């Protein structure tokens, strides 16, 4: 808490092909206890989105999902004194092996080249069929569809080229220098990201991991109650915010 007694704002950062409102289920469950900002990006490059994150109120807690989590992590590493804490959901610190990163970059470029030539309904249909989202219910997929259909294919392609996992350098070796508290969240079904969350939390000076049961790559959508409880506990205890 700052000297005025004001709780830090939580800045929720969406993932790829998501509007800011995708974070609403968690933000609404926190209520007025902590002020929430749903960051609606105007920029569609990694550099542009990092600038938008850097423009948020000083002393905020960054909370990002997937691509948004990757960018939030890099924002906190670049200027840790600006933020009160960091929460990543379904995110990793990058692909370490240069060969694997090159293969991913080539795959992302192929996908980006296709996306920018297609109507958004076909792009969304392909995106929703990914094995990564196979554990999501039909109702949850349908609920996300309007936000996805509102995206621009050319902007999505640009974002994939600049902020995809193949485009970003890994930051695992920098995690030891992260001075703000970190909570790394992942779904129990999402084994690869759950392992990344454990590793990230263990690599920073003030880290904790939260594995959300019965959830896959988007635990904030599949189990918003559990994610909101974990976030409140992190804010109360890891940031010293108890009593608010």
Foldseek 3Di string as FASTA:
>chain_A
DPPVLAAAEEEEEEDALFALCVLVLQVVVCPVVHHYHSDGDPAQFLVRVLVSVVPDAFAHEYEYAALGLLSQVVSCLVPVNRYQYYEYALYFQADADLVVLQVQLVVLLVLLVVLLVDQQVVVLVVVCPDPQNPLPDPVLSVVRVVSNNPDHSNSSSNNSNHRNRSNDHGCLVSQQVRPHEYEYEFEPVAVVSQVRRVSSQVNYPHGDYYYHYSDTRCCCSVPVVVVSVVVVCCSVPVSVNPPD
